[in-house]
Amino acid sequence: MATIMADTRPSTRRYAVPVASATIAVAGAIAVIGLADAATESDGLAALDPGFTADVVSDRTPALTVLARSLTFVGDVPVLVTLMLIAAFLLWRWTRGLRAPALLLFAMAGSAALTAGLKALVERKRPGVTFVLGPVDTGFAFPSGHTLNSTVFFVTLAALLWVGLRSYGAKAALVIAAGLMSIGIGLSRVYLGYHWATDVLAGWTVAVTWLALVSLLAYFTRPREA
C-alpha cells in the first residue's frame, strides 16, 4: 500500500497546477461574461455603480487624491511599458535566459489585446464629467485597462521572481507588494472617476483569468528539469 501511494502522489501533484489553472480560467471567463452582461444591461452589480461612485467621490480628501493620482500614474500605458522593458531586461540578466522575460512580454501583450478587445466589444461609457478628477478620457470603460494591465504586470513579475527567492519573508513581501499595487491602482480609477466599480472588478477578473492561462503555458513549456 505504501508503495502504491508513493507512486501515485507524484502523479497527482504533477496535475495539480494545470487542473487548478484550468478551473480558475473557466470560472473567470464565466464571471467576465456575467460582468460584461451586467455592464451592457446596467443591471446586477452594474446597477449599483452610480450610487457607489457618488459615495466615493463625496469622500475625497487632498491626501487621498495625491495617492490616487500617483497610483493611476503607475498604471498608465507609457509607465507600464517602461517598467515592463526594464523588468524584462533585468530578468534576462538575472536568469541568463529568455524564458522569464518572454513570459512577461507575452503576458503583457495578451493583457493589452484583451483590454482593447473587450472595450470595443462592450462599449460601456465612462462616468460623467462631473465625477472625473483630471483630464476627461473619451475611451470606453469596460474593463479598466489600468487595473487589468497593472495586475497582470505585477503578478507575473512577482511569480517570476518568486522562484528565485529562498527567504519566506521576501516571498511574502513580494506577494503583498503585488497585491497592494493591483488593488491600489484599481481603486484609484473609481476614486478619480474614470471607471465604474464594475469596470475595475472586471479588470481584476480578466487579469486572473488570463494569468491562469499564462500559467498553463508556463507549465507545459517548462524545462524538463524544472
Protein backbone atom coordinates (compact mmCIF):
# COMPACT_ATOMS: atom_id res chain seq x y z
CA MET A 1 0.00 0.00 0.00
CA ALA A 2 2.80 2.41 0.90
CA THR A 3 4.46 1.68 -2.42
CA ILE A 4 1.25 2.41 -4.35
CA MET A 5 0.74 5.71 -2.52
CA ALA A 6 4.33 6.71 -3.15
CA ASP A 7 3.86 6.04 -6.84
CA THR A 8 0.57 7.94 -7.20
CA ARG A 9 1.32 11.04 -5.15
CA PRO A 10 3.90 12.49 -7.57
CA SER A 11 1.47 11.93 -10.45
CA THR A 12 -1.32 13.68 -8.52
CA ARG A 13 0.89 16.64 -7.68
CA ARG A 14 2.02 16.84 -11.29
CA TYR A 15 -1.50 17.56 -12.49
CA ALA A 16 -2.49 19.86 -9.61
CA VAL A 17 -1.17 23.03 -11.27
CA PRO A 18 -2.78 22.59 -14.72
CA VAL A 19 -6.09 21.44 -13.22
CA ALA A 20 -6.21 24.39 -10.83
CA SER A 21 -5.22 26.85 -13.57
CA ALA A 22 -7.80 25.48 -16.00
CA THR A 23 -10.52 25.62 -13.33
CA ILE A 24 -9.68 29.23 -12.49
CA ALA A 25 -9.62 30.17 -16.17
CA VAL A 26 -13.06 28.67 -16.82
CA ALA A 27 -14.58 30.19 -13.69
CA GLY A 28 -13.00 33.55 -14.51
CA ALA A 29 -14.31 33.51 -18.07
CA ILE A 30 -17.83 32.82 -16.83
CA ALA A 31 -17.53 35.67 -14.32
CA VAL A 32 -16.27 38.07 -17.01
CA ILE A 33 -19.23 37.21 -19.24
CA GLY A 34 -21.59 37.90 -16.35
CA LEU A 35 -19.96 41.24 -15.59
CA ALA A 36 -19.98 42.24 -19.25
CA ASP A 37 -23.68 41.41 -19.50
CA ALA A 38 -24.41 43.45 -16.37
CA ALA A 39 -22.41 46.38 -17.72
CA THR A 40 -24.23 46.23 -21.05
CA GLU A 41 -27.70 45.99 -19.49
CA SER A 42 -26.92 48.24 -16.49
CA ASP A 43 -28.33 45.64 -14.13
CA GLY A 44 -26.91 43.31 -11.50
CA LEU A 45 -23.74 44.71 -9.93
CA ALA A 46 -23.60 47.43 -12.58
CA ALA A 47 -26.85 48.89 -11.27
CA LEU A 48 -25.01 49.79 -8.05
CA ASP A 49 -22.23 51.69 -9.83
CA PRO A 50 -23.69 55.23 -9.88
CA GLY A 51 -24.51 55.25 -6.17
CA PHE A 52 -21.17 53.73 -5.20
CA THR A 53 -19.22 56.22 -7.32
CA ALA A 54 -21.17 59.13 -5.86
CA ASP A 55 -20.31 57.93 -2.34
CA VAL A 56 -16.62 57.57 -3.18
CA VAL A 57 -16.45 61.00 -4.81
CA SER A 58 -18.10 62.62 -1.80
CA ASP A 59 -15.33 61.24 0.47
CA ARG A 60 -12.38 62.67 -1.47
CA THR A 61 -9.58 64.29 0.53
CA PRO A 62 -6.38 66.06 -0.61
CA ALA A 63 -4.16 63.27 0.73
CA LEU A 64 -6.19 60.51 -0.90
CA THR A 65 -6.26 62.43 -4.17
CA VAL A 66 -2.46 62.64 -4.25
CA LEU A 67 -2.21 58.91 -3.53
CA ALA A 68 -4.82 58.02 -6.14
CA ARG A 69 -3.15 60.12 -8.81
CA SER A 70 0.22 58.56 -8.02
CA LEU A 71 -1.18 55.05 -8.30
CA THR A 72 -3.02 55.83 -11.52
CA PHE A 73 0.21 57.26 -12.96
CA VAL A 74 1.94 53.91 -12.36
CA GLY A 75 -0.87 52.18 -14.26
CA ASP A 76 -0.60 54.47 -17.31
CA VAL A 77 0.40 52.67 -20.51
CA PRO A 78 3.71 54.54 -21.07
CA VAL A 79 4.80 53.91 -17.48
CA LEU A 80 3.83 50.22 -17.55
CA VAL A 81 5.60 49.71 -20.88
CA THR A 82 8.74 51.30 -19.46
CA LEU A 83 8.56 49.16 -16.31
CA MET A 84 7.94 46.07 -18.44
CA LEU A 85 11.00 46.66 -20.60
CA ILE A 86 13.19 47.34 -17.58
CA ALA A 87 11.88 44.25 -15.80
CA ALA A 88 12.36 42.08 -18.91
CA PHE A 89 15.96 43.25 -19.23
CA LEU A 90 16.70 42.62 -15.55
CA LEU A 91 15.07 39.18 -15.71
CA TRP A 92 17.26 38.33 -18.69
CA ARG A 93 20.37 39.45 -16.81
CA TRP A 94 19.29 37.59 -13.67
CA THR A 95 18.31 34.29 -15.27
CA ARG A 96 20.73 34.39 -18.20
CA GLY A 97 17.90 33.13 -20.40
CA LEU A 98 14.97 34.35 -22.46
CA ARG A 99 12.21 32.27 -20.87
CA ALA A 100 11.33 34.62 -17.98
CA PRO A 101 11.36 37.87 -19.98
CA ALA A 102 9.46 36.19 -22.82
CA LEU A 103 6.73 35.08 -20.42
CA LEU A 104 6.43 38.61 -19.04
CA LEU A 105 6.23 40.15 -22.51
CA PHE A 106 3.71 37.55 -23.65
CA ALA A 107 1.53 38.10 -20.59
CA MET A 108 1.53 41.86 -21.14
CA ALA A 109 0.84 41.57 -24.86
CA GLY A 110 -2.18 39.38 -24.15
CA SER A 111 -3.35 41.78 -21.46
CA ALA A 112 -3.21 44.71 -23.88
CA ALA A 113 -5.10 42.74 -26.53
CA LEU A 114 -7.81 41.72 -24.05
CA THR A 115 -8.18 45.31 -22.86
CA ALA A 116 -8.66 46.66 -26.37
CA GLY A 117 -10.88 43.79 -27.50
CA LEU A 118 -13.26 43.83 -24.53
CA LYS A 119 -13.56 47.62 -24.57
CA ALA A 120 -14.55 47.52 -28.24
CA LEU A 121 -16.95 44.65 -27.61
CA VAL A 122 -18.80 46.03 -24.57
CA GLU A 123 -18.59 49.76 -25.48
CA ARG A 124 -19.51 50.96 -22.00
CA LYS A 125 -19.44 54.69 -21.35
CA ARG A 126 -17.36 56.08 -18.51
CA PRO A 127 -18.80 58.02 -15.55
CA GLY A 128 -19.90 61.56 -16.38
CA VAL A 129 -17.51 64.51 -16.38
CA THR A 130 -18.90 65.63 -13.03
CA PHE A 131 -17.17 62.61 -11.44
CA VAL A 132 -13.79 62.91 -13.18
CA LEU A 133 -10.90 64.41 -11.27
CA GLY A 134 -8.48 65.18 -14.08
CA PRO A 135 -8.43 65.21 -17.89
CA VAL A 136 -11.51 63.64 -19.47
CA ASP A 137 -10.97 60.22 -21.10
CA THR A 138 -13.32 59.56 -24.01
CA GLY A 139 -12.43 55.88 -24.36
CA PHE A 140 -14.66 53.02 -23.30
CA ALA A 141 -14.77 51.98 -19.65
CA PHE A 142 -15.14 48.19 -19.50
CA PRO A 143 -12.82 46.71 -18.36
CA SER A 144 -10.45 49.09 -16.60
CA GLY A 145 -7.24 48.89 -18.60
CA HIS A 146 -5.18 50.35 -15.77
CA THR A 147 -6.46 47.63 -13.44
CA LEU A 148 -6.11 44.75 -15.89
CA ASN A 149 -2.67 45.61 -17.23
CA SER A 150 -1.11 46.55 -13.90
CA THR A 151 -2.43 43.40 -12.24
CA VAL A 152 -1.01 41.20 -14.99
CA PHE A 153 2.33 43.01 -14.82
CA PHE A 154 2.85 42.97 -11.07
CA VAL A 155 1.53 39.44 -10.52
CA THR A 156 3.53 37.97 -13.41
CA LEU A 157 6.68 39.73 -12.25
CA ALA A 158 6.09 38.52 -8.70
CA ALA A 159 5.61 34.95 -9.90
CA LEU A 160 8.81 35.04 -11.96
CA LEU A 161 10.82 36.47 -9.07
CA TRP A 162 9.24 34.06 -6.56
CA VAL A 163 11.05 31.01 -7.91
CA GLY A 164 14.42 32.63 -7.35
CA LEU A 165 13.84 33.68 -3.76
CA ARG A 166 14.69 31.47 -0.80
CA SER A 167 13.51 33.70 2.03
CA TYR A 168 9.87 33.23 3.01
CA GLY A 169 9.87 36.82 4.24
CA ALA A 170 10.97 38.09 0.84
CA LYS A 171 8.35 35.95 -0.87
CA ALA A 172 5.63 37.26 1.43
CA ALA A 173 6.74 40.85 0.83
CA LEU A 174 6.69 40.23 -2.92
CA VAL A 175 3.13 38.88 -2.86
CA ILE A 176 1.90 41.69 -0.62
CA ALA A 177 3.51 44.35 -2.81
CA ALA A 178 1.98 42.92 -5.99
CA GLY A 179 -1.43 42.69 -4.35
CA LEU A 180 -1.31 46.21 -2.96
CA MET A 181 -0.31 47.69 -6.32
CA SER A 182 -3.10 45.86 -8.12
CA ILE A 183 -5.74 46.82 -5.55
CA GLY A 184 -4.48 50.39 -5.18
CA ILE A 185 -4.41 51.13 -8.90
CA GLY A 186 -7.87 49.64 -9.37
CA LEU A 187 -9.40 51.65 -6.54
CA SER A 188 -7.73 54.82 -7.78
CA ARG A 189 -9.68 54.56 -11.03
CA VAL A 190 -13.01 54.65 -9.20
CA TYR A 191 -11.83 57.37 -6.83
CA LEU A 192 -10.74 59.62 -9.69
CA GLY A 193 -13.99 59.00 -11.56
CA TYR A 194 -12.53 57.30 -14.63
CA HIS A 195 -14.25 53.96 -14.13
CA TRP A 196 -17.25 52.39 -12.52
CA ALA A 197 -16.60 49.82 -9.81
CA THR A 198 -17.80 47.07 -12.15
CA ASP A 199 -15.13 48.04 -14.68
CA VAL A 200 -12.42 47.66 -12.06
CA LEU A 201 -13.85 44.35 -10.84
CA ALA A 202 -13.86 43.16 -14.44
CA GLY A 203 -10.24 44.25 -14.81
CA TRP A 204 -9.23 42.09 -11.86
CA THR A 205 -11.33 39.17 -13.09
CA VAL A 206 -9.97 39.27 -16.64
CA ALA A 207 -6.45 39.54 -15.23
CA VAL A 208 -6.88 36.46 -13.05
CA THR A 209 -8.39 34.53 -15.97
CA TRP A 210 -5.57 35.49 -18.31
CA LEU A 211 -2.91 34.77 -15.68
CA ALA A 212 -4.35 31.28 -15.23
CA LEU A 213 -3.94 30.67 -18.95
CA VAL A 214 -0.41 32.07 -18.88
CA SER A 215 0.42 29.73 -16.00
CA LEU A 216 -0.79 26.81 -18.12
CA LEU A 217 1.51 27.88 -20.92
CA ALA A 218 4.39 28.27 -18.48
CA TYR A 219 3.71 24.83 -17.01
CA PHE A 220 3.60 22.95 -20.31
CA THR A 221 6.63 24.74 -21.77
CA ARG A 222 8.81 24.45 -18.66
CA PRO A 223 12.23 22.83 -18.96
CA ARG A 224 12.25 19.10 -18.26
CA GLU A 225 14.46 19.58 -15.20
CA ALA A 226 12.10 22.16 -13.61
